[in-house]
Amino acid sequence: MSGGLPSVEAAVALLTRLPGVGRKSAQRMVAHLLREGPQGIAQLSAALTTMQERVRACSRCFNLAEAELCWICADPKRQSAQLCVVEEASDLMAMERAGSFRGVYHVLGGALSPIDGVGPEDLNLGALLERMRSESIEEVIIATNPTVSGEATAHYLTAMLHGLQGVDVTVSRLAYGMPMGGELEYLDESTLYQALAGRRPL
């Protein structure tokens, strides 16, 4: 589609940098935008520019926000005694879509990964410690991803939180169990281990 069209090729190349977007998908997006004409492209461009200008990190939890505090931190109805720690704002969004958590959050901005050069100093851990000391938090729910780096981060957080002087807090971890309809032989070792370790009495 983009042969001999440098501007189109540049747009396709930029779109393929988005998660889950391959070259064919990017080409379809560009074709759709071209069909919509100048007005559609201008609207998308304006929306992206406005987003860039307005979106920032929440000063308390590092969620995405368009004000000093995100909509969750600014909501007095949230249960501020429960704090859920996630890796990224996208994980927070997933938790919110589930609709079962009414506490507040803390976004780390990633996970520990020595191979990638990501250490504790690269995450929002200092701000988390400050919140533990200044807010009346009774439980911290660690909701990092069930990956090698996510598990390493969870272990680090657990040790850090239990080591806090003068702070009495319960630390828990999301249970990653077997999916409904799943069969044991098709589950990976990590899922089986977490399902067993997180078992509860009936």
N, C-alpha and C. Protein backbone atom coordinates (compact mmCIF):
# COMPACT_ATOMS: atom_id res chain seq x y z
N MET A 1 0.82 -1.21 0.00
CA MET A 1 0.00 0.00 0.00
C MET A 1 0.85 1.26 0.00
N SER A 2 1.95 1.27 0.79
CA SER A 2 2.70 2.49 1.01
C SER A 2 3.91 2.65 0.10
N GLY A 3 4.09 1.74 -0.88
CA GLY A 3 5.21 1.85 -1.79
C GLY A 3 5.14 3.14 -2.58
N GLY A 4 6.21 3.92 -2.55
CA GLY A 4 6.23 5.20 -3.26
C GLY A 4 5.52 6.32 -2.53
N LEU A 5 5.06 6.07 -1.29
CA LEU A 5 4.36 7.08 -0.49
C LEU A 5 5.09 7.24 0.84
N PRO A 6 6.15 8.03 0.88
CA PRO A 6 6.96 8.16 2.11
C PRO A 6 6.16 8.61 3.32
N SER A 7 5.20 9.51 3.14
CA SER A 7 4.42 10.00 4.28
C SER A 7 3.54 8.91 4.85
N VAL A 8 2.97 8.09 3.99
CA VAL A 8 2.15 6.96 4.44
C VAL A 8 3.03 5.93 5.13
N GLU A 9 4.18 5.65 4.56
CA GLU A 9 5.10 4.68 5.16
C GLU A 9 5.55 5.13 6.55
N ALA A 10 5.77 6.43 6.72
CA ALA A 10 6.16 6.97 8.02
C ALA A 10 5.05 6.76 9.04
N ALA A 11 3.79 6.99 8.63
CA ALA A 11 2.65 6.80 9.53
C ALA A 11 2.50 5.33 9.90
N VAL A 12 2.66 4.43 8.93
CA VAL A 12 2.57 2.99 9.20
C VAL A 12 3.66 2.57 10.18
N ALA A 13 4.87 3.06 9.97
CA ALA A 13 5.99 2.70 10.85
C ALA A 13 5.74 3.15 12.29
N LEU A 14 5.17 4.34 12.45
CA LEU A 14 4.87 4.84 13.79
C LEU A 14 3.79 4.02 14.47
N LEU A 15 2.76 3.65 13.72
CA LEU A 15 1.67 2.87 14.29
C LEU A 15 2.12 1.48 14.72
N THR A 16 3.09 0.89 14.01
CA THR A 16 3.56 -0.45 14.38
C THR A 16 4.33 -0.43 15.69
N ARG A 17 4.66 0.75 16.20
CA ARG A 17 5.33 0.84 17.50
C ARG A 17 4.34 0.68 18.65
N LEU A 18 3.05 0.73 18.35
CA LEU A 18 2.03 0.55 19.38
C LEU A 18 1.91 -0.93 19.72
N PRO A 19 1.61 -1.26 21.00
CA PRO A 19 1.49 -2.67 21.41
C PRO A 19 0.41 -3.40 20.62
N GLY A 20 0.74 -4.57 20.11
CA GLY A 20 -0.23 -5.41 19.42
C GLY A 20 -0.59 -4.98 18.01
N VAL A 21 0.11 -3.98 17.49
CA VAL A 21 -0.19 -3.49 16.13
C VAL A 21 0.91 -3.94 15.18
N GLY A 22 0.57 -4.84 14.26
CA GLY A 22 1.51 -5.27 13.24
C GLY A 22 1.41 -4.39 12.01
N ARG A 23 2.23 -4.70 11.03
CA ARG A 23 2.27 -3.87 9.82
C ARG A 23 0.93 -3.84 9.08
N LYS A 24 0.30 -5.01 8.94
CA LYS A 24 -0.98 -5.05 8.22
C LYS A 24 -2.05 -4.25 8.94
N SER A 25 -2.09 -4.38 10.26
CA SER A 25 -3.08 -3.61 11.04
C SER A 25 -2.81 -2.11 10.89
N ALA A 26 -1.54 -1.74 10.93
CA ALA A 26 -1.18 -0.33 10.78
C ALA A 26 -1.58 0.20 9.40
N GLN A 27 -1.40 -0.62 8.38
CA GLN A 27 -1.80 -0.20 7.03
C GLN A 27 -3.30 0.00 6.94
N ARG A 28 -4.07 -0.89 7.60
CA ARG A 28 -5.53 -0.74 7.59
C ARG A 28 -5.95 0.54 8.32
N MET A 29 -5.27 0.84 9.42
CA MET A 29 -5.59 2.07 10.15
C MET A 29 -5.33 3.31 9.30
N VAL A 30 -4.18 3.31 8.63
CA VAL A 30 -3.84 4.46 7.78
C VAL A 30 -4.84 4.59 6.64
N ALA A 31 -5.21 3.46 6.02
CA ALA A 31 -6.19 3.50 4.93
C ALA A 31 -7.52 4.06 5.42
N HIS A 32 -7.92 3.67 6.64
CA HIS A 32 -9.17 4.17 7.21
C HIS A 32 -9.09 5.68 7.43
N LEU A 33 -7.97 6.14 7.97
CA LEU A 33 -7.81 7.57 8.21
C LEU A 33 -7.85 8.36 6.91
N LEU A 34 -7.22 7.83 5.88
CA LEU A 34 -7.22 8.51 4.59
C LEU A 34 -8.63 8.57 4.00
N ARG A 35 -9.41 7.52 4.22
CA ARG A 35 -10.80 7.52 3.74
C ARG A 35 -11.64 8.56 4.48
N GLU A 36 -11.33 8.75 5.77
CA GLU A 36 -12.08 9.73 6.55
C GLU A 36 -11.79 11.16 6.10
N GLY A 37 -10.64 11.36 5.53
CA GLY A 37 -10.31 12.68 5.00
C GLY A 37 -9.63 13.58 6.03
N PRO A 38 -9.34 14.81 5.63
CA PRO A 38 -8.60 15.74 6.49
C PRO A 38 -9.23 15.98 7.86
N GLN A 39 -10.57 16.02 7.91
CA GLN A 39 -11.24 16.30 9.19
C GLN A 39 -10.98 15.20 10.21
N GLY A 40 -11.08 13.93 9.79
CA GLY A 40 -10.83 12.83 10.72
C GLY A 40 -9.40 12.81 11.21
N ILE A 41 -8.46 13.05 10.31
CA ILE A 41 -7.05 13.07 10.70
C ILE A 41 -6.78 14.24 11.65
N ALA A 42 -7.39 15.40 11.36
CA ALA A 42 -7.20 16.57 12.21
C ALA A 42 -7.76 16.34 13.61
N GLN A 43 -8.91 15.66 13.70
CA GLN A 43 -9.51 15.37 15.01
C GLN A 43 -8.63 14.44 15.83
N LEU A 44 -8.08 13.41 15.17
CA LEU A 44 -7.19 12.49 15.87
C LEU A 44 -5.93 13.21 16.33
N SER A 45 -5.37 14.03 15.46
CA SER A 45 -4.17 14.79 15.81
C SER A 45 -4.42 15.72 16.98
N ALA A 46 -5.58 16.39 16.98
CA ALA A 46 -5.92 17.31 18.07
C ALA A 46 -6.12 16.56 19.38
N ALA A 47 -6.76 15.38 19.31
CA ALA A 47 -6.98 14.58 20.52
C ALA A 47 -5.66 14.12 21.12
N LEU A 48 -4.73 13.70 20.27
CA LEU A 48 -3.42 13.24 20.75
C LEU A 48 -2.63 14.40 21.36
N THR A 49 -2.71 15.57 20.74
CA THR A 49 -2.01 16.74 21.26
C THR A 49 -2.57 17.15 22.61
N THR A 50 -3.90 17.16 22.72
CA THR A 50 -4.55 17.51 23.99
C THR A 50 -4.18 16.52 25.08
N MET A 51 -4.16 15.23 24.74
CA MET A 51 -3.77 14.21 25.70
C MET A 51 -2.35 14.44 26.19
N GLN A 52 -1.45 14.74 25.28
CA GLN A 52 -0.06 14.97 25.65
C GLN A 52 0.07 16.16 26.59
N GLU A 53 -0.73 17.19 26.36
CA GLU A 53 -0.65 18.41 27.16
C GLU A 53 -1.28 18.24 28.54
N ARG A 54 -2.31 17.41 28.65
CA ARG A 54 -3.09 17.36 29.89
C ARG A 54 -2.75 16.20 30.81
N VAL A 55 -2.38 15.06 30.25
CA VAL A 55 -2.19 13.86 31.08
C VAL A 55 -0.85 13.91 31.79
N ARG A 56 -0.88 13.63 33.08
CA ARG A 56 0.32 13.61 33.91
C ARG A 56 0.19 12.47 34.91
N ALA A 57 1.18 12.33 35.76
CA ALA A 57 1.13 11.32 36.82
C ALA A 57 0.47 11.92 38.05
N CYS A 58 -0.44 11.18 38.65
CA CYS A 58 -1.06 11.60 39.92
C CYS A 58 0.03 11.81 40.95
N SER A 59 -0.05 12.90 41.69
CA SER A 59 1.00 13.23 42.65
C SER A 59 1.03 12.28 43.84
N ARG A 60 -0.04 11.52 44.03
CA ARG A 60 -0.09 10.60 45.16
C ARG A 60 0.20 9.16 44.75
N CYS A 61 -0.48 8.67 43.72
CA CYS A 61 -0.38 7.24 43.40
C CYS A 61 0.30 6.94 42.07
N PHE A 62 0.57 7.98 41.26
CA PHE A 62 1.24 7.83 39.95
C PHE A 62 0.35 7.19 38.88
N ASN A 63 -0.95 7.18 39.13
CA ASN A 63 -1.89 6.80 38.08
C ASN A 63 -1.94 7.93 37.06
N LEU A 64 -2.50 7.68 35.89
CA LEU A 64 -2.70 8.75 34.92
C LEU A 64 -3.75 9.71 35.45
N ALA A 65 -3.53 11.00 35.24
CA ALA A 65 -4.45 12.01 35.75
C ALA A 65 -4.42 13.24 34.86
N GLU A 66 -5.48 14.04 34.95
CA GLU A 66 -5.51 15.32 34.27
C GLU A 66 -5.56 16.46 35.28
N ALA A 67 -5.34 16.13 36.54
CA ALA A 67 -5.25 17.11 37.61
C ALA A 67 -4.16 16.63 38.57
N GLU A 68 -3.96 17.33 39.66
CA GLU A 68 -2.90 16.91 40.59
C GLU A 68 -3.17 15.51 41.12
N LEU A 69 -4.44 15.22 41.42
CA LEU A 69 -4.83 13.89 41.88
C LEU A 69 -5.68 13.21 40.81
N CYS A 70 -5.53 11.90 40.68
CA CYS A 70 -6.37 11.15 39.74
C CYS A 70 -7.78 11.02 40.32
N TRP A 71 -8.70 10.53 39.52
CA TRP A 71 -10.10 10.44 39.94
C TRP A 71 -10.28 9.48 41.12
N ILE A 72 -9.38 8.53 41.28
CA ILE A 72 -9.50 7.58 42.38
C ILE A 72 -9.04 8.21 43.68
N CYS A 73 -7.87 8.84 43.66
CA CYS A 73 -7.36 9.49 44.87
C CYS A 73 -8.26 10.65 45.31
N ALA A 74 -8.95 11.26 44.36
CA ALA A 74 -9.82 12.39 44.68
C ALA A 74 -11.21 11.96 45.15
N ASP A 75 -11.49 10.66 45.13
CA ASP A 75 -12.81 10.14 45.49
C ASP A 75 -12.85 9.83 46.99
N PRO A 76 -13.60 10.60 47.79
CA PRO A 76 -13.65 10.37 49.23
C PRO A 76 -14.34 9.07 49.62
N LYS A 77 -15.04 8.44 48.68
CA LYS A 77 -15.74 7.20 48.98
C LYS A 77 -14.84 5.96 48.88
N ARG A 78 -13.62 6.13 48.36
CA ARG A 78 -12.72 4.98 48.27
C ARG A 78 -12.23 4.60 49.67
N GLN A 79 -11.97 3.31 49.85
CA GLN A 79 -11.51 2.79 51.14
C GLN A 79 -9.99 2.97 51.23
N SER A 80 -9.58 4.09 51.80
CA SER A 80 -8.17 4.47 51.79
C SER A 80 -7.30 3.59 52.68
N ALA A 81 -7.90 2.74 53.50
CA ALA A 81 -7.11 1.84 54.34
C ALA A 81 -6.57 0.65 53.55
N GLN A 82 -7.11 0.41 52.37
CA GLN A 82 -6.65 -0.67 51.50
C GLN A 82 -5.89 -0.09 50.33
N LEU A 83 -4.66 -0.53 50.16
CA LEU A 83 -3.81 -0.03 49.08
C LEU A 83 -3.37 -1.18 48.19
N CYS A 84 -3.66 -1.07 46.91
CA CYS A 84 -3.28 -2.10 45.94
C CYS A 84 -2.10 -1.59 45.12
N VAL A 85 -1.01 -2.35 45.12
CA VAL A 85 0.20 -1.96 44.40
C VAL A 85 0.23 -2.68 43.06
N VAL A 86 0.31 -1.91 41.98
CA VAL A 86 0.36 -2.48 40.63
C VAL A 86 1.60 -1.98 39.90
N GLU A 87 1.94 -2.65 38.81
CA GLU A 87 3.12 -2.26 38.04
C GLU A 87 2.87 -1.02 37.20
N GLU A 88 1.79 -1.02 36.44
CA GLU A 88 1.52 0.06 35.50
C GLU A 88 0.08 0.56 35.64
N ALA A 89 -0.16 1.75 35.11
CA ALA A 89 -1.51 2.31 35.13
C ALA A 89 -2.49 1.42 34.38
N SER A 90 -2.01 0.71 33.37
CA SER A 90 -2.89 -0.20 32.62
C SER A 90 -3.37 -1.35 33.51
N ASP A 91 -2.54 -1.76 34.49
CA ASP A 91 -2.96 -2.80 35.44
C ASP A 91 -4.05 -2.26 36.37
N LEU A 92 -3.89 -1.01 36.76
CA LEU A 92 -4.92 -0.35 37.58
C LEU A 92 -6.25 -0.32 36.83
N MET A 93 -6.19 0.01 35.54
CA MET A 93 -7.42 0.04 34.74
C MET A 93 -8.09 -1.32 34.70
N ALA A 94 -7.28 -2.38 34.60
CA ALA A 94 -7.83 -3.73 34.58
C ALA A 94 -8.53 -4.05 35.89
N MET A 95 -7.91 -3.66 37.01
CA MET A 95 -8.52 -3.88 38.32
C MET A 95 -9.84 -3.12 38.43
N GLU A 96 -9.85 -1.91 37.92
CA GLU A 96 -11.07 -1.10 37.98
C GLU A 96 -12.18 -1.71 37.13
N ARG A 97 -11.82 -2.26 35.98
CA ARG A 97 -12.83 -2.90 35.13
C ARG A 97 -13.46 -4.10 35.83
N ALA A 98 -12.65 -4.79 36.64
CA ALA A 98 -13.18 -5.94 37.38
C ALA A 98 -14.23 -5.50 38.38
N GLY A 99 -14.07 -4.29 38.91
CA GLY A 99 -15.08 -3.70 39.78
C GLY A 99 -15.19 -4.27 41.18
N SER A 100 -14.20 -5.06 41.61
CA SER A 100 -14.30 -5.71 42.92
C SER A 100 -13.43 -5.05 43.98
N PHE A 101 -12.65 -4.05 43.60
CA PHE A 101 -11.76 -3.39 44.56
C PHE A 101 -12.18 -1.94 44.72
N ARG A 102 -12.38 -1.54 45.98
CA ARG A 102 -12.83 -0.17 46.25
C ARG A 102 -11.81 0.62 47.06
N GLY A 103 -10.59 0.10 47.15
CA GLY A 103 -9.54 0.82 47.85
C GLY A 103 -8.83 1.80 46.94
N VAL A 104 -7.58 2.12 47.30
CA VAL A 104 -6.77 3.04 46.50
C VAL A 104 -5.57 2.28 45.95
N TYR A 105 -4.80 2.93 45.11
CA TYR A 105 -3.71 2.25 44.40
C TYR A 105 -2.37 2.96 44.58
N HIS A 106 -1.32 2.22 44.20
CA HIS A 106 0.00 2.83 44.02
C HIS A 106 0.63 2.19 42.80
N VAL A 107 0.98 3.00 41.81
CA VAL A 107 1.56 2.51 40.56
C VAL A 107 3.08 2.60 40.64
N LEU A 108 3.74 1.45 40.52
CA LEU A 108 5.20 1.41 40.64
C LEU A 108 5.91 2.00 39.44
N GLY A 109 5.30 1.91 38.28
CA GLY A 109 5.96 2.37 37.07
C GLY A 109 6.87 1.33 36.46
N GLY A 110 6.60 0.05 36.76
CA GLY A 110 7.40 -1.04 36.21
C GLY A 110 7.59 -2.14 37.23
N ALA A 111 8.55 -3.01 36.96
CA ALA A 111 8.87 -4.12 37.86
C ALA A 111 10.38 -4.31 37.88
N LEU A 112 10.87 -4.89 38.95
CA LEU A 112 12.31 -5.13 39.08
C LEU A 112 12.77 -6.08 37.98
N SER A 113 13.84 -5.71 37.32
CA SER A 113 14.39 -6.55 36.25
C SER A 113 15.87 -6.22 36.08
N PRO A 114 16.74 -6.89 36.85
CA PRO A 114 18.18 -6.62 36.75
C PRO A 114 18.72 -6.78 35.33
N ILE A 115 18.17 -7.73 34.58
CA ILE A 115 18.63 -7.95 33.21
C ILE A 115 18.40 -6.71 32.36
N ASP A 116 17.28 -6.03 32.61
CA ASP A 116 16.96 -4.82 31.85
C ASP A 116 17.45 -3.55 32.54
N GLY A 117 18.18 -3.73 33.64
CA GLY A 117 18.72 -2.58 34.34
C GLY A 117 17.71 -1.81 35.17
N VAL A 118 16.62 -2.46 35.55
CA VAL A 118 15.59 -1.81 36.36
C VAL A 118 15.75 -2.25 37.82
N GLY A 119 16.18 -1.33 38.67
CA GLY A 119 16.36 -1.62 40.08
C GLY A 119 15.34 -0.89 40.93
N PRO A 120 15.40 -1.07 42.25
CA PRO A 120 14.43 -0.42 43.15
C PRO A 120 14.38 1.10 42.99
N GLU A 121 15.54 1.70 42.70
CA GLU A 121 15.60 3.16 42.56
C GLU A 121 14.86 3.66 41.32
N ASP A 122 14.54 2.75 40.41
CA ASP A 122 13.84 3.14 39.18
C ASP A 122 12.32 3.07 39.32
N LEU A 123 11.85 2.56 40.45
CA LEU A 123 10.41 2.43 40.69
C LEU A 123 9.95 3.46 41.71
N ASN A 124 8.64 3.63 41.81
CA ASN A 124 8.07 4.62 42.73
C ASN A 124 7.96 4.05 44.15
N LEU A 125 9.09 3.55 44.65
CA LEU A 125 9.10 2.91 45.97
C LEU A 125 9.25 3.92 47.09
N GLY A 126 10.02 4.98 46.86
CA GLY A 126 10.18 6.00 47.89
C GLY A 126 8.85 6.64 48.23
N ALA A 127 8.06 6.92 47.21
CA ALA A 127 6.73 7.50 47.43
C ALA A 127 5.81 6.53 48.16
N LEU A 128 5.98 5.23 47.89
CA LEU A 128 5.18 4.21 48.58
C LEU A 128 5.53 4.19 50.06
N LEU A 129 6.81 4.25 50.38
CA LEU A 129 7.23 4.27 51.78
C LEU A 129 6.68 5.50 52.49
N GLU A 130 6.69 6.63 51.82
CA GLU A 130 6.16 7.86 52.40
C GLU A 130 4.66 7.72 52.68
N ARG A 131 3.95 7.09 51.78
CA ARG A 131 2.51 6.88 52.00
C ARG A 131 2.27 5.96 53.18
N MET A 132 3.09 4.94 53.31
CA MET A 132 2.94 4.01 54.43
C MET A 132 3.10 4.72 55.76
N ARG A 133 3.97 5.71 55.79
CA ARG A 133 4.23 6.43 57.04
C ARG A 133 3.21 7.54 57.30
N SER A 134 2.65 8.10 56.25
CA SER A 134 1.79 9.27 56.43
C SER A 134 0.30 8.97 56.32
N GLU A 135 -0.07 7.85 55.71
CA GLU A 135 -1.48 7.51 55.55
C GLU A 135 -1.85 6.33 56.45
N SER A 136 -3.12 6.23 56.77
CA SER A 136 -3.59 5.16 57.67
C SER A 136 -3.93 3.91 56.86
N ILE A 137 -2.90 3.27 56.34
CA ILE A 137 -3.07 2.09 55.50
C ILE A 137 -2.99 0.83 56.37
N GLU A 138 -4.01 -0.01 56.29
CA GLU A 138 -4.07 -1.22 57.09
C GLU A 138 -3.67 -2.47 56.31
N GLU A 139 -3.91 -2.45 55.00
CA GLU A 139 -3.57 -3.61 54.17
C GLU A 139 -2.98 -3.16 52.85
N VAL A 140 -1.89 -3.82 52.45
CA VAL A 140 -1.30 -3.61 51.13
C VAL A 140 -1.50 -4.88 50.33
N ILE A 141 -2.17 -4.76 49.20
CA ILE A 141 -2.39 -5.90 48.31
C ILE A 141 -1.41 -5.79 47.15
N ILE A 142 -0.51 -6.73 47.05
CA ILE A 142 0.48 -6.71 45.98
C ILE A 142 -0.12 -7.38 44.75
N ALA A 143 -0.27 -6.60 43.69
CA ALA A 143 -0.91 -7.11 42.48
C ALA A 143 0.02 -6.98 41.28
N THR A 144 1.29 -7.31 41.50
CA THR A 144 2.22 -7.34 40.37
C THR A 144 1.91 -8.56 39.51
N ASN A 145 2.37 -8.54 38.28
CA ASN A 145 2.05 -9.60 37.33
C ASN A 145 2.69 -10.93 37.70
N PRO A 146 2.08 -12.06 37.32
CA PRO A 146 2.65 -13.38 37.62
C PRO A 146 3.76 -13.73 36.63
N THR A 147 4.79 -12.88 36.61
CA THR A 147 5.97 -13.09 35.77
C THR A 147 7.19 -13.16 36.66
N VAL A 148 8.33 -13.47 36.09
CA VAL A 148 9.56 -13.54 36.89
C VAL A 148 9.84 -12.19 37.54
N SER A 149 9.76 -11.12 36.76
CA SER A 149 10.02 -9.79 37.31
C SER A 149 8.92 -9.36 38.28
N GLY A 150 7.69 -9.75 37.99
CA GLY A 150 6.59 -9.42 38.89
C GLY A 150 6.71 -10.12 40.23
N GLU A 151 7.12 -11.39 40.20
CA GLU A 151 7.31 -12.14 41.44
C GLU A 151 8.48 -11.57 42.24
N ALA A 152 9.56 -11.20 41.54
CA ALA A 152 10.72 -10.61 42.22
C ALA A 152 10.32 -9.30 42.90
N THR A 153 9.51 -8.53 42.22
CA THR A 153 9.03 -7.27 42.78
C THR A 153 8.14 -7.51 43.99
N ALA A 154 7.29 -8.51 43.91
CA ALA A 154 6.41 -8.84 45.04
C ALA A 154 7.21 -9.25 46.27
N HIS A 155 8.24 -10.06 46.07
CA HIS A 155 9.09 -10.48 47.19
C HIS A 155 9.82 -9.28 47.80
N TYR A 156 10.31 -8.41 46.95
CA TYR A 156 11.01 -7.22 47.42
C TYR A 156 10.07 -6.33 48.23
N LEU A 157 8.87 -6.11 47.71
CA LEU A 157 7.89 -5.29 48.41
C LEU A 157 7.51 -5.88 49.76
N THR A 158 7.32 -7.19 49.79
CA THR A 158 6.94 -7.85 51.04
C THR A 158 8.01 -7.63 52.11
N ALA A 159 9.26 -7.85 51.74
CA ALA A 159 10.36 -7.65 52.69
C ALA A 159 10.45 -6.19 53.13
N MET A 160 10.27 -5.29 52.19
CA MET A 160 10.36 -3.86 52.50
C MET A 160 9.25 -3.44 53.45
N LEU A 161 8.03 -3.89 53.20
CA LEU A 161 6.90 -3.49 54.02
C LEU A 161 6.96 -4.10 55.42
N HIS A 162 7.38 -5.36 55.50
CA HIS A 162 7.50 -5.99 56.82
C HIS A 162 8.64 -5.39 57.62
N GLY A 163 9.58 -4.76 56.95
CA GLY A 163 10.72 -4.16 57.63
C GLY A 163 10.49 -2.75 58.11
N LEU A 164 9.32 -2.19 57.82
CA LEU A 164 9.04 -0.82 58.25
C LEU A 164 8.86 -0.74 59.76
N GLN A 165 9.56 0.18 60.38
CA GLN A 165 9.46 0.37 61.82
C GLN A 165 8.25 1.25 62.15
N GLY A 166 7.47 0.83 63.13
CA GLY A 166 6.34 1.63 63.58
C GLY A 166 5.14 1.61 62.66
N VAL A 167 5.14 0.70 61.69
CA VAL A 167 4.01 0.59 60.76
C VAL A 167 3.45 -0.82 60.85
N ASP A 168 2.18 -0.92 61.28
CA ASP A 168 1.53 -2.22 61.39
C ASP A 168 0.60 -2.40 60.20
N VAL A 169 0.99 -3.25 59.27
CA VAL A 169 0.21 -3.40 58.05
C VAL A 169 0.15 -4.87 57.64
N THR A 170 -0.98 -5.27 57.12
CA THR A 170 -1.15 -6.61 56.56
C THR A 170 -0.75 -6.58 55.09
N VAL A 171 0.09 -7.53 54.70
CA VAL A 171 0.53 -7.61 53.30
C VAL A 171 -0.05 -8.87 52.68
N SER A 172 -0.73 -8.72 51.56
CA SER A 172 -1.32 -9.87 50.88
C SER A 172 -0.95 -9.84 49.41
N ARG A 173 -1.16 -10.98 48.75
CA ARG A 173 -0.80 -11.12 47.33
C ARG A 173 -2.01 -11.67 46.59
N LEU A 174 -2.27 -11.13 45.42
CA LEU A 174 -3.35 -11.69 44.61
C LEU A 174 -3.10 -13.16 44.37
N ALA A 175 -4.15 -13.97 44.47
CA ALA A 175 -4.03 -15.40 44.19
C ALA A 175 -4.25 -15.62 42.70
N TYR A 176 -3.25 -16.21 42.04
CA TYR A 176 -3.38 -16.53 40.62
C TYR A 176 -3.70 -18.01 40.51
N GLY A 177 -4.98 -18.31 40.39
CA GLY A 177 -5.39 -19.70 40.39
C GLY A 177 -5.67 -20.24 39.00
N MET A 178 -6.23 -21.42 38.98
CA MET A 178 -6.55 -22.05 37.70
C MET A 178 -7.77 -21.37 37.08
N PRO A 179 -7.75 -21.11 35.78
CA PRO A 179 -8.90 -20.49 35.14
C PRO A 179 -10.08 -21.44 35.09
N MET A 180 -11.27 -20.88 35.13
CA MET A 180 -12.46 -21.71 35.02
C MET A 180 -12.44 -22.46 33.69
N GLY A 181 -12.68 -23.76 33.75
CA GLY A 181 -12.67 -24.57 32.54
C GLY A 181 -11.31 -25.06 32.14
N GLY A 182 -10.28 -24.65 32.90
CA GLY A 182 -8.93 -25.08 32.56
C GLY A 182 -8.68 -26.52 33.00
N GLU A 183 -7.76 -27.18 32.33
CA GLU A 183 -7.39 -28.55 32.67
C GLU A 183 -5.94 -28.57 33.13
N LEU A 184 -5.67 -29.37 34.17
CA LEU A 184 -4.35 -29.37 34.78
C LEU A 184 -3.22 -29.57 33.78
N GLU A 185 -3.39 -30.47 32.85
CA GLU A 185 -2.29 -30.79 31.95
C GLU A 185 -1.94 -29.64 31.00
N TYR A 186 -2.85 -28.72 30.86
CA TYR A 186 -2.60 -27.61 29.96
C TYR A 186 -2.15 -26.34 30.68
N LEU A 187 -2.05 -26.41 32.01
CA LEU A 187 -1.62 -25.24 32.78
C LEU A 187 -0.11 -25.25 32.96
N ASP A 188 0.49 -24.06 32.94
CA ASP A 188 1.93 -23.99 33.14
C ASP A 188 2.27 -24.16 34.62
N GLU A 189 3.53 -24.42 34.89
CA GLU A 189 3.97 -24.72 36.25
C GLU A 189 3.71 -23.57 37.22
N SER A 190 3.93 -22.36 36.75
CA SER A 190 3.74 -21.20 37.63
C SER A 190 2.29 -21.08 38.07
N THR A 191 1.36 -21.29 37.14
CA THR A 191 -0.06 -21.21 37.48
C THR A 191 -0.45 -22.29 38.48
N LEU A 192 0.05 -23.50 38.26
CA LEU A 192 -0.25 -24.60 39.18
C LEU A 192 0.32 -24.33 40.56
N TYR A 193 1.54 -23.81 40.60
CA TYR A 193 2.17 -23.52 41.89
C TYR A 193 1.36 -22.46 42.64
N GLN A 194 1.00 -21.40 41.94
CA GLN A 194 0.24 -20.34 42.60
C GLN A 194 -1.14 -20.83 43.03
N ALA A 195 -1.74 -21.70 42.23
CA ALA A 195 -3.05 -22.25 42.59
C ALA A 195 -2.96 -23.08 43.86
N LEU A 196 -1.89 -23.85 43.99
CA LEU A 196 -1.71 -24.68 45.17
C LEU A 196 -1.35 -23.84 46.39
N ALA A 197 -0.41 -22.93 46.20
CA ALA A 197 0.03 -22.09 47.32
C ALA A 197 -1.08 -21.18 47.82
N GLY A 198 -1.99 -20.80 46.92
CA GLY A 198 -3.07 -19.90 47.31
C GLY A 198 -4.35 -20.61 47.67
N ARG A 199 -4.28 -21.90 47.90
CA ARG A 199 -5.51 -22.66 48.21
C ARG A 199 -6.13 -22.19 49.52
N ARG A 200 -7.41 -22.36 49.64
CA ARG A 200 -8.11 -21.96 50.87
C ARG A 200 -8.95 -23.13 51.35
N PRO A 201 -9.18 -23.21 52.65
CA PRO A 201 -10.00 -24.30 53.19
C PRO A 201 -11.45 -24.14 52.77
N LEU A 202 -12.11 -25.25 52.55
CA LEU A 202 -13.52 -25.22 52.16
C LEU A 202 -14.41 -25.68 53.31
